[in-house]
C-alpha atoms as a PDB file:
ATOM      1  CA  GLU A   1     -44.685  12.288 101.262  1.00  0.00           C
ATOM      2  CA  ALA A   2     -42.250  10.221  99.282  1.00  0.00           C
ATOM      3  CA  LEU A   3     -41.171   6.641 100.691  1.00  0.00           C
ATOM      4  CA  TYR A   4     -37.828   7.459  99.623  1.00  0.00           C
ATOM      5  CA  GLU A   5     -36.623  10.779  97.786  1.00  0.00           C
ATOM      6  CA  PRO A   6     -33.504   9.903  95.109  1.00  0.00           C
ATOM      7  CA  SER A   7     -32.011  13.025  95.234  1.00  0.00           C
ATOM      8  CA  GLU A   8     -31.372  12.939  98.978  1.00  0.00           C
ATOM      9  CA  TRP A   9     -29.134  10.029  97.726  1.00  0.00           C
ATOM     10  CA  GLY A  10     -27.337  12.415  95.236  1.00  0.00           C
ATOM     11  CA  VAL A  11     -29.551  11.009  92.105  1.00  0.00           C
ATOM     12  CA  ALA A  12     -30.447  13.780  90.181  1.00  0.00           C
ATOM     13  CA  PRO A  13     -33.902  13.978  88.416  1.00  0.00           C
ATOM     14  CA  LEU A  14     -34.778  14.976  84.764  1.00  0.00           C
ATOM     15  CA  ARG A  15     -37.586  16.260  83.850  1.00  0.00           C
ATOM     16  CA  PHE A  16     -39.805  15.139  80.438  1.00  0.00           C
ATOM     17  CA  GLN A  17     -39.963  18.979  78.530  1.00  0.00           C
ATOM     18  CA  GLY A  18     -41.237  18.348  74.706  1.00  0.00           C
ATOM     19  CA  GLY A  19     -40.158  15.078  74.818  1.00  0.00           C
ATOM     20  CA  ARG A  20     -36.667  15.357  76.119  1.00  0.00           C
ATOM     21  CA  LEU A  21     -35.051  14.830  79.146  1.00  0.00           C
ATOM     22  CA  VAL A  22     -34.077  18.096  80.381  1.00  0.00           C
ATOM     23  CA  ALA A  23     -32.269  19.076  83.873  1.00  0.00           C
ATOM     24  CA  VAL A  24     -34.526  20.016  86.670  1.00  0.00           C
ATOM     25  CA  GLY A  25     -34.033  23.542  88.267  1.00  0.00           C
ATOM     26  CA  ASP A  26     -32.851  24.209  91.734  1.00  0.00           C
ATOM     27  CA  GLY A  27     -35.269  23.916  94.122  1.00  0.00           C
ATOM     28  CA  GLU A  28     -38.023  22.519  92.188  1.00  0.00           C
ATOM     29  CA  ALA A  29     -40.523  20.311  94.027  1.00  0.00           C
ATOM     30  CA  PRO A  30     -41.241  17.133  93.023  1.00  0.00           C
ATOM     31  CA  GLN A  31     -44.578  16.036  91.841  1.00  0.00           C
ATOM     32  CA  ARG A  32     -46.911  13.851  93.883  1.00  0.00           C
ATOM     33  CA  ARG A  33     -50.311  13.498  91.377  1.00  0.00           C
ATOM     34  CA  VAL A  34     -52.977  11.182  90.457  1.00  0.00           C
ATOM     35  CA  ILE A  35     -53.029  10.464  86.573  1.00  0.00           C
ATOM     36  CA  ALA A  36     -54.904   8.605  84.108  1.00  0.00           C
ATOM     37  CA  ALA A  37     -53.408   6.291  81.638  1.00  0.00           C
ATOM     38  CA  PRO A  38     -55.423   3.479  79.739  1.00  0.00           C
ATOM     39  CA  PHE A  39     -52.882   0.946  80.655  1.00  0.00           C
ATOM     40  CA  VAL A  40     -54.177   0.654  84.139  1.00  0.00           C
ATOM     41  CA  SER A  41     -57.429  -1.836  84.548  1.00  0.00           C
ATOM     42  CA  MET A  42     -59.873  -1.495  86.799  1.00  0.00           C
ATOM     43  CA  THR A  43     -60.516  -5.376  86.735  1.00  0.00           C
ATOM     44  CA  GLU A  44     -57.489  -6.192  88.158  1.00  0.00           C
ATOM     45  CA  GLY A  45     -55.700  -5.456  91.051  1.00  0.00           C
ATOM     46  CA  THR A  46     -56.381  -2.017  92.821  1.00  0.00           C
ATOM     47  CA  GLY A  47     -56.843   0.252  89.983  1.00  0.00           C
ATOM     48  CA  VAL A  48     -53.843   2.152  91.028  1.00  0.00           C
ATOM     49  CA  VAL A  49     -50.299   1.660  90.041  1.00  0.00           C
ATOM     50  CA  HIS A  50     -47.102   3.581  90.402  1.00  0.00           C
ATOM     51  CA  VAL A  51     -44.976   5.124  87.675  1.00  0.00           C
ATOM     52  CA  ALA A  52     -41.748   5.234  86.943  1.00  0.00           C
ATOM     53  CA  PRO A  53     -40.575   6.535  83.690  1.00  0.00           C
ATOM     54  CA  ALA A  54     -36.656   4.749  84.027  1.00  0.00           C
ATOM     55  CA  PHE A  55     -38.248   1.440  84.062  1.00  0.00           C
ATOM     56  CA  GLY A  56     -41.094   0.560  81.778  1.00  0.00           C
ATOM     57  CA  ALA A  57     -42.297   1.678  78.198  1.00  0.00           C
ATOM     58  CA  ASP A  58     -45.658   2.539  79.229  1.00  0.00           C
ATOM     59  CA  ASP A  59     -44.064   4.384  82.268  1.00  0.00           C
ATOM     60  CA  PHE A  60     -41.811   6.280  79.996  1.00  0.00           C
ATOM     61  CA  GLU A  61     -44.449   7.287  77.582  1.00  0.00           C
ATOM     62  CA  ILE A  62     -46.774   8.238  80.574  1.00  0.00           C
ATOM     63  CA  GLY A  63     -44.314  10.601  81.559  1.00  0.00           C
ATOM     64  CA  LYS A  64     -43.513  12.469  78.282  1.00  0.00           C
ATOM     65  CA  GLU A  65     -46.972  12.850  78.332  1.00  0.00           C
ATOM     66  CA  GLU A  66     -47.671  14.124  81.407  1.00  0.00           C
ATOM     67  CA  GLY A  67     -44.281  16.134  81.811  1.00  0.00           C
ATOM     68  CA  LEU A  68     -43.285  13.709  84.903  1.00  0.00           C
ATOM     69  CA  LEU A  69     -39.735  13.969  86.439  1.00  0.00           C
ATOM     70  CA  PHE A  70     -37.767  10.843  85.557  1.00  0.00           C
ATOM     71  CA  TYR A  71     -35.195   9.378  88.311  1.00  0.00           C
ATOM     72  CA  GLN A  72     -32.502   6.750  87.222  1.00  0.00           C
ATOM     73  CA  PRO A  73     -31.360   5.409  90.733  1.00  0.00           C
ATOM     74  CA  VAL A  74     -29.805   2.091  89.041  1.00  0.00           C
ATOM     75  CA  ASP A  75     -26.647   1.922  86.974  1.00  0.00           C
ATOM     76  CA  LEU A  76     -26.242  -0.602  83.829  1.00  0.00           C
ATOM     77  CA  ARG A  77     -24.825  -3.063  86.228  1.00  0.00           C
ATOM     78  CA  GLY A  78     -28.412  -3.064  87.988  1.00  0.00           C
ATOM     79  CA  GLU A  79     -27.047  -1.904  91.142  1.00  0.00           C
ATOM     80  CA  MET A  80     -28.475   1.243  93.244  1.00  0.00           C
ATOM     81  CA  MET A  81     -26.468   4.393  92.602  1.00  0.00           C
ATOM     82  CA  GLY A  82     -26.293   7.090  95.337  1.00  0.00           C
ATOM     83  CA  ASP A  83     -25.284   7.015  99.151  1.00  0.00           C
ATOM     84  CA  SER A  84     -28.116   5.500  99.979  1.00  0.00           C
ATOM     85  CA  PRO A  85     -28.138   2.767 102.603  1.00  0.00           C
ATOM     86  CA  PHE A  86     -28.790   0.616  99.211  1.00  0.00           C
ATOM     87  CA  GLY A  87     -26.328   1.830  97.081  1.00  0.00           C
ATOM     88  CA  GLY A  88     -23.703  -0.470  95.563  1.00  0.00           C
ATOM     89  CA  ARG A  89     -26.209  -3.577  96.071  1.00  0.00           C
ATOM     90  CA  PHE A  90     -28.204  -5.329  93.057  1.00  0.00           C
ATOM     91  CA  VAL A  91     -31.551  -4.198  93.162  1.00  0.00           C
ATOM     92  CA  LYS A  92     -33.128  -7.542  93.785  1.00  0.00           C
ATOM     93  CA  ASP A  93     -30.742  -7.917  97.130  1.00  0.00           C
ATOM     94  CA  ALA A  94     -31.948  -4.781  97.620  1.00  0.00           C
ATOM     95  CA  ASP A  95     -35.360  -5.939  97.758  1.00  0.00           C
ATOM     96  CA  PRO A  96     -35.549  -7.182 101.547  1.00  0.00           C
ATOM     97  CA  LEU A  97     -33.857  -4.364 102.409  1.00  0.00           C
ATOM     98  CA  LEU A  98     -36.036  -1.851 101.357  1.00  0.00           C
ATOM     99  CA  LEU A  99     -38.956  -3.797 102.612  1.00  0.00           C
ATOM    100  CA  ASP A 100     -37.215  -3.871 106.071  1.00  0.00           C
ATOM    101  CA  ASP A 101     -35.963  -0.476 105.999  1.00  0.00           C
ATOM    102  CA  LEU A 102     -40.334   0.399 105.331  1.00  0.00           C
ATOM    103  CA  GLU A 103     -41.125  -2.002 108.458  1.00  0.00           C
ATOM    104  CA  GLN A 104     -39.003   0.056 110.481  1.00  0.00           C
ATOM    105  CA  ARG A 105     -40.620   2.883 109.714  1.00  0.00           C
ATOM    106  CA  ARG A 106     -43.674   1.757 110.034  1.00  0.00           C
ATOM    107  CA  LEU A 107     -44.790   2.641 106.585  1.00  0.00           C
ATOM    108  CA  LEU A 108     -45.670  -0.975 105.502  1.00  0.00           C
ATOM    109  CA  LEU A 109     -48.953  -2.641 105.063  1.00  0.00           C
ATOM    110  CA  ARG A 110     -47.733  -5.991 104.416  1.00  0.00           C
ATOM    111  CA  ARG A 111     -45.362  -8.121 102.638  1.00  0.00           C
ATOM    112  CA  ASP A 112     -46.058 -11.096 100.081  1.00  0.00           C
ATOM    113  CA  THR A 113     -44.781 -13.344  97.545  1.00  0.00           C
ATOM    114  CA  ILE A 114     -46.494 -13.322  94.722  1.00  0.00           C
ATOM    115  CA  HIS A 115     -45.854 -15.768  91.633  1.00  0.00           C
ATOM    116  CA  HIS A 116     -46.057 -14.433  88.560  1.00  0.00           C
ATOM    117  CA  THR A 117     -44.241 -14.150  84.850  1.00  0.00           C
ATOM    118  CA  TYR A 118     -40.838 -12.025  84.796  1.00  0.00           C
ATOM    119  CA  PRO A 119     -37.937 -11.594  82.297  1.00  0.00           C
ATOM    120  CA  PHE A 120     -34.466 -13.397  83.410  1.00  0.00           C
ATOM    121  CA  CYS A 121     -31.180 -14.296  80.600  1.00  0.00           C
ATOM    122  CA  TRP A 122     -31.863 -16.941  78.933  1.00  0.00           C
ATOM    123  CA  ARG A 123     -27.881 -17.940  78.708  1.00  0.00           C
ATOM    124  CA  CYS A 124     -27.443 -17.175  82.973  1.00  0.00           C
ATOM    125  CA  ASP A 125     -30.804 -16.751  84.238  1.00  0.00           C
ATOM    126  CA  THR A 126     -29.942 -13.603  85.731  1.00  0.00           C
ATOM    127  CA  PRO A 127     -33.207 -11.466  86.289  1.00  0.00           C
ATOM    128  CA  LEU A 128     -33.466  -8.495  83.993  1.00  0.00           C
ATOM    129  CA  LEU A 129     -34.415  -4.991  84.260  1.00  0.00           C
ATOM    130  CA  TYR A 130     -36.479  -2.784  81.633  1.00  0.00           C
ATOM    131  CA  TYR A 131     -34.028   0.137  81.655  1.00  0.00           C
ATOM    132  CA  ALA A 132     -34.410   3.182  79.879  1.00  0.00           C
ATOM    133  CA  LYS A 133     -31.111   4.392  78.124  1.00  0.00           C
ATOM    134  CA  PRO A 134     -30.623   6.344  74.921  1.00  0.00           C
ATOM    135  CA  SER A 135     -30.346   4.792  71.706  1.00  0.00           C
ATOM    136  CA  TRP A 136     -30.241   5.312  67.683  1.00  0.00           C
ATOM    137  CA  TYR A 137     -33.511   5.408  65.724  1.00  0.00           C
ATOM    138  CA  ILE A 138     -34.688   5.452  62.079  1.00  0.00           C
ATOM    139  CA  ARG A 139     -37.555   7.562  62.034  1.00  0.00           C
ATOM    140  CA  THR A 140     -39.613   5.280  60.503  1.00  0.00           C
ATOM    141  CA  THR A 141     -42.852   7.515  61.247  1.00  0.00           C
ATOM    142  CA  GLN A 142     -41.738  10.254  59.132  1.00  0.00           C
ATOM    143  CA  VAL A 143     -42.441   7.943  55.819  1.00  0.00           C
ATOM    144  CA  LYS A 144     -45.298   5.776  57.634  1.00  0.00           C
ATOM    145  CA  GLU A 145     -47.856   7.000  54.640  1.00  0.00           C
ATOM    146  CA  ARG A 146     -45.409   5.626  51.931  1.00  0.00           C
ATOM    147  CA  LEU A 147     -45.174   2.444  53.854  1.00  0.00           C
ATOM    148  CA  LEU A 148     -48.556   1.692  53.777  1.00  0.00           C
ATOM    149  CA  SER A 149     -49.093   2.896  50.052  1.00  0.00           C
ATOM    150  CA  GLY A 150     -46.451   0.745  48.863  1.00  0.00           C
ATOM    151  CA  ASN A 151     -48.248  -2.357  50.562  1.00  0.00           C
ATOM    152  CA  ASP A 152     -51.011  -1.844  48.963  1.00  0.00           C
ATOM    153  CA  GLU A 153     -49.557  -2.356  45.530  1.00  0.00           C
ATOM    154  CA  ILE A 154     -48.073  -5.479  46.677  1.00  0.00           C
ATOM    155  CA  GLY A 155     -49.848  -8.746  45.885  1.00  0.00           C
ATOM    156  CA  TRP A 156     -49.827 -11.266  48.920  1.00  0.00           C
ATOM    157  CA  HIS A 157     -49.915 -14.559  49.422  1.00  0.00           C
ATOM    158  CA  PRO A 158     -51.756 -15.134  51.203  1.00  0.00           C
ATOM    159  CA  GLU A 159     -53.866 -12.236  50.786  1.00  0.00           C
ATOM    160  CA  HIS A 160     -54.863 -11.634  54.198  1.00  0.00           C
ATOM    161  CA  ILE A 161     -51.521 -10.865  55.412  1.00  0.00           C
ATOM    162  CA  LYS A 162     -51.553  -7.413  53.319  1.00  0.00           C
ATOM    163  CA  SER A 163     -54.607  -5.579  55.703  1.00  0.00           C
ATOM    164  CA  GLY A 164     -53.819  -8.042  58.404  1.00  0.00           C
ATOM    165  CA  ARG A 165     -50.487  -8.993  60.524  1.00  0.00           C
ATOM    166  CA  PHE A 166     -48.223  -6.791  58.137  1.00  0.00           C
ATOM    167  CA  GLY A 167     -50.771  -4.388  57.345  1.00  0.00           C
ATOM    168  CA  ASP A 168     -51.455  -4.223  60.809  1.00  0.00           C
ATOM    169  CA  TRP A 169     -47.841  -3.479  61.685  1.00  0.00           C
ATOM    170  CA  LEU A 170     -47.461  -0.752  59.542  1.00  0.00           C
ATOM    171  CA  ALA A 171     -50.679   0.996  60.508  1.00  0.00           C
ATOM    172  CA  HIS A 172     -48.965   1.092  64.156  1.00  0.00           C
ATOM    173  CA  ASN A 173     -45.444   1.757  63.115  1.00  0.00           C
ATOM    174  CA  ILE A 174     -43.130   3.337  65.666  1.00  0.00           C
ATOM    175  CA  ASP A 175     -39.577   4.880  65.160  1.00  0.00           C
ATOM    176  CA  TRP A 176     -36.951   1.535  64.867  1.00  0.00           C
ATOM    177  CA  ALA A 177     -34.465   1.667  68.069  1.00  0.00           C
ATOM    178  CA  LEU A 178     -31.624   0.564  65.480  1.00  0.00           C
ATOM    179  CA  SER A 179     -28.718   0.440  67.473  1.00  0.00           C
ATOM    180  CA  ARG A 180     -27.463  -3.033  69.625  1.00  0.00           C
ATOM    181  CA  GLU A 181     -24.867  -3.243  72.568  1.00  0.00           C
ATOM    182  CA  ARG A 182     -22.919  -5.838  71.354  1.00  0.00           C
ATOM    183  CA  TYR A 183     -19.527  -7.340  70.893  1.00  0.00           C
ATOM    184  CA  TRP A 184     -19.732  -8.329  67.817  1.00  0.00           C
ATOM    185  CA  GLY A 185     -21.913  -6.909  64.488  1.00  0.00           C
ATOM    186  CA  THR A 186     -22.421  -4.744  61.543  1.00  0.00           C
ATOM    187  CA  PRO A 187     -20.880  -1.526  62.957  1.00  0.00           C
ATOM    188  CA  LEU A 188     -23.073   1.468  63.331  1.00  0.00           C
ATOM    189  CA  PRO A 189     -21.293   4.097  60.885  1.00  0.00           C
ATOM    190  CA  LEU A 190     -21.281   7.082  63.235  1.00  0.00           C
ATOM    191  CA  TRP A 191     -18.336   8.605  64.262  1.00  0.00           C
ATOM    192  CA  ARG A 192     -17.961  11.125  67.178  1.00  0.00           C
ATOM    193  CA  CYS A 193     -15.704  14.218  67.669  1.00  0.00           C
ATOM    194  CA  GLY A 194     -13.589  14.137  71.225  1.00  0.00           C
ATOM    195  CA  SER A 195     -13.572  17.865  70.742  1.00  0.00           C
ATOM    196  CA  CYS A 196     -16.626  19.557  69.476  1.00  0.00           C
ATOM    197  CA  GLU A 197     -19.026  16.013  69.516  1.00  0.00           C
ATOM    198  CA  HIS A 198     -19.454  16.688  66.053  1.00  0.00           C
ATOM    199  CA  VAL A 199     -21.207  13.784  64.707  1.00  0.00           C
ATOM    200  CA  GLU A 200     -20.321  12.221  61.448  1.00  0.00           C
ATOM    201  CA  CYS A 201     -22.258   8.817  59.215  1.00  0.00           C
ATOM    202  CA  VAL A 202     -19.938   7.582  56.745  1.00  0.00           C
ATOM    203  CA  GLY A 203     -21.695   6.178  54.055  1.00  0.00           C
ATOM    204  CA  SER A 204     -19.152   3.897  51.905  1.00  0.00           C
ATOM    205  CA  LEU A 205     -16.149   2.038  52.424  1.00  0.00           C
ATOM    206  CA  ALA A 206     -13.720   4.717  50.112  1.00  0.00           C
ATOM    207  CA  GLU A 207     -15.200   8.108  52.172  1.00  0.00           C
ATOM    208  CA  LEU A 208     -14.240   5.827  55.317  1.00  0.00           C
ATOM    209  CA  ARG A 209     -10.462   5.834  53.742  1.00  0.00           C
ATOM    210  CA  GLU A 210     -10.903   9.754  53.024  1.00  0.00           C
ATOM    211  CA  MET A 211     -11.609  11.067  56.719  1.00  0.00           C
ATOM    212  CA  ALA A 212      -9.117   8.646  58.166  1.00  0.00           C
ATOM    213  CA  THR A 213      -6.454   9.722  59.968  1.00  0.00           C
ATOM    214  CA  ASP A 214      -4.584   6.500  59.545  1.00  0.00           C
ATOM    215  CA  ARG A 215      -5.308   6.164  55.336  1.00  0.00           C
ATOM    216  CA  ARG A 216      -2.706   3.124  55.369  1.00  0.00           C
ATOM    217  CA  ALA A 217      -4.493   1.321  58.399  1.00  0.00           C
ATOM    218  CA  ALA A 218      -7.936   2.298  56.728  1.00  0.00           C
ATOM    219  CA  LYS A 219      -6.958   0.537  53.478  1.00  0.00           C
ATOM    220  CA  ALA A 220      -5.882  -2.423  55.362  1.00  0.00           C
ATOM    221  CA  LEU A 221      -9.139  -2.985  56.719  1.00  0.00           C
ATOM    222  CA  THR A 222     -10.512  -6.254  55.294  1.00  0.00           C
ATOM    223  CA  ASP A 223     -12.935  -6.862  57.775  1.00  0.00           C
ATOM    224  CA  LEU A 224     -15.440  -3.969  58.423  1.00  0.00           C
ATOM    225  CA  HIS A 225     -17.414  -5.644  62.098  1.00  0.00           C
ATOM    226  CA  ARG A 226     -16.792  -4.518  65.261  1.00  0.00           C
ATOM    227  CA  PRO A 227     -14.375  -4.693  66.832  1.00  0.00           C
ATOM    228  CA  PHE A 228     -11.692  -4.400  64.192  1.00  0.00           C
ATOM    229  CA  VAL A 229     -13.431  -1.145  62.568  1.00  0.00           C
ATOM    230  CA  ASP A 230     -13.530   0.533  66.135  1.00  0.00           C
ATOM    231  CA  ALA A 231      -9.665   1.188  65.624  1.00  0.00           C
ATOM    232  CA  ILE A 232      -9.877   3.430  62.716  1.00  0.00           C
ATOM    233  CA  GLU A 233     -10.103   7.311  63.722  1.00  0.00           C
ATOM    234  CA  LEU A 234     -11.418  10.071  61.696  1.00  0.00           C
ATOM    235  CA  ARG A 235     -10.130  13.766  61.622  1.00  0.00           C
ATOM    236  CA  CYS A 236     -13.777  15.849  62.200  1.00  0.00           C
ATOM    237  CA  PRO A 237     -14.320  17.839  59.306  1.00  0.00           C
ATOM    238  CA  ALA A 238     -16.089  20.550  61.662  1.00  0.00           C
ATOM    239  CA  CYS A 239     -12.747  21.253  63.987  1.00  0.00           C
ATOM    240  CA  SER A 240      -9.914  18.796  62.667  1.00  0.00           C
ATOM    241  CA  GLY A 241      -9.876  16.973  65.584  1.00  0.00           C
ATOM    242  CA  THR A 242      -9.976  13.200  66.306  1.00  0.00           C
ATOM    243  CA  MET A 243     -13.396  11.340  66.058  1.00  0.00           C
ATOM    244  CA  ARG A 244     -13.816   7.853  66.946  1.00  0.00           C
ATOM    245  CA  ARG A 245     -16.572   5.331  66.409  1.00  0.00           C
ATOM    246  CA  LEU A 246     -19.868   5.055  68.669  1.00  0.00           C
ATOM    247  CA  PRO A 247     -19.845   1.492  70.081  1.00  0.00           C
ATOM    248  CA  GLU A 248     -23.057   0.474  69.128  1.00  0.00           C
ATOM    249  CA  VAL A 249     -23.520  -2.114  66.062  1.00  0.00           C
ATOM    250  CA  LEU A 250     -26.799  -2.235  64.013  1.00  0.00           C
ATOM    251  CA  ASP A 251     -30.084  -4.391  64.424  1.00  0.00           C
ATOM    252  CA  ALA A 252     -29.239  -7.945  62.932  1.00  0.00           C
ATOM    253  CA  TRP A 253     -32.624  -6.901  60.785  1.00  0.00           C
ATOM    254  CA  PHE A 254     -31.097  -4.241  58.966  1.00  0.00           C
ATOM    255  CA  ASP A 255     -28.627  -6.657  58.068  1.00  0.00           C
ATOM    256  CA  SER A 256     -31.594  -8.840  56.876  1.00  0.00           C
ATOM    257  CA  GLY A 257     -33.241  -6.277  55.048  1.00  0.00           C
ATOM    258  CA  ALA A 258     -29.959  -5.025  52.992  1.00  0.00           C
ATOM    259  CA  MET A 259     -29.337  -8.228  51.666  1.00  0.00           C
ATOM    260  CA  PRO A 260     -31.339  -8.260  48.782  1.00  0.00           C
ATOM    261  CA  TYR A 261     -29.929  -4.988  48.089  1.00  0.00           C
ATOM    262  CA  ALA A 262     -26.216  -5.453  49.248  1.00  0.00           C
ATOM    263  CA  GLN A 263     -25.471  -8.874  47.035  1.00  0.00           C
ATOM    264  CA  TRP A 264     -25.600  -6.541  43.974  1.00  0.00           C
ATOM    265  CA  HIS A 265     -23.504  -3.399  45.989  1.00  0.00           C
ATOM    266  CA  TYR A 266     -26.462  -1.316  45.672  1.00  0.00           C
ATOM    267  CA  PRO A 267     -25.954   1.585  45.450  1.00  0.00           C
ATOM    268  CA  PHE A 268     -22.328   2.130  44.191  1.00  0.00           C
ATOM    269  CA  GLU A 269     -23.209  -0.217  40.890  1.00  0.00           C
END
C-alpha cells in the first residue's frame, strides 16, 4: 500500500508508453513493484531506493524503460499541488509536515537529519529541484556516426583529446536539450498557431518579414533577441490563424558554435 496516493489529491497520473507520456485509463491500478537498475549500489545504503520519474534523470530513464507511472505533484514554483493538507506549500516547507503525518499514522520508522550535498541557486540560495518538464531538442544522436567519423579526420593537439575527452563525449552523445527559459537571449525561432497548433520554424529575417501579420513592424525590428522579437506575430500557413513565438531561448552554446559561420553571414552569403 502506498504511503500517499497523489491521484486522491486531484493529481492525475501519466504513463510512459513507447518513450512518451500518455494519459492513464480510468480505473487503472497504480503499480507497486521492485525493479533492477544499474544506478543502485549494493555497497551504499540499503541497496533499495524509491523511484520518482518526475524528479531525476535516472528515475526518468528507468521509468521509460519499465513503463512506470509518472506523477507530478509539484508545480513550477516548487509548491505542492492538489487538495492535500500540504497543497500550496513549498516542498521543503512540506517536508516536516509529511514526517509528522507519517508519524501520526504510525508509519514512520525513524526521522533524522543527514548531511549531504544538495543544489542551491547560486544567486539567492534557494534550494533547487530536479524537475522533468518539456524541452526542445536537437536529435544529435541521428548523426552520431558522422560526428565520430569527422572527429577521426581532425588533427588534435594535444592528440589524446581526440579519443579521450572529446572522443568519449561524442561516443556517449545524447540528444541536445536546446531550449532555455530566460528573459533575454537568442530566440528559439519557433512560432505556434493559436488555432490549429501548427508549429513553424522561421529560417531567416526575410522569411520572418514575409510571414508577419504586421510587416511594417517586422521590417522595423532591429533587435532580434527576446523579448523584442516576441511582439512579431505570423500568419499560419496551415489555417491562416495567428502564430506567436514560443517563449524559450537558445542554449548559449548554440551561439558559440554558430559564431564562426555567422560572422560570414553563412548560409546566406
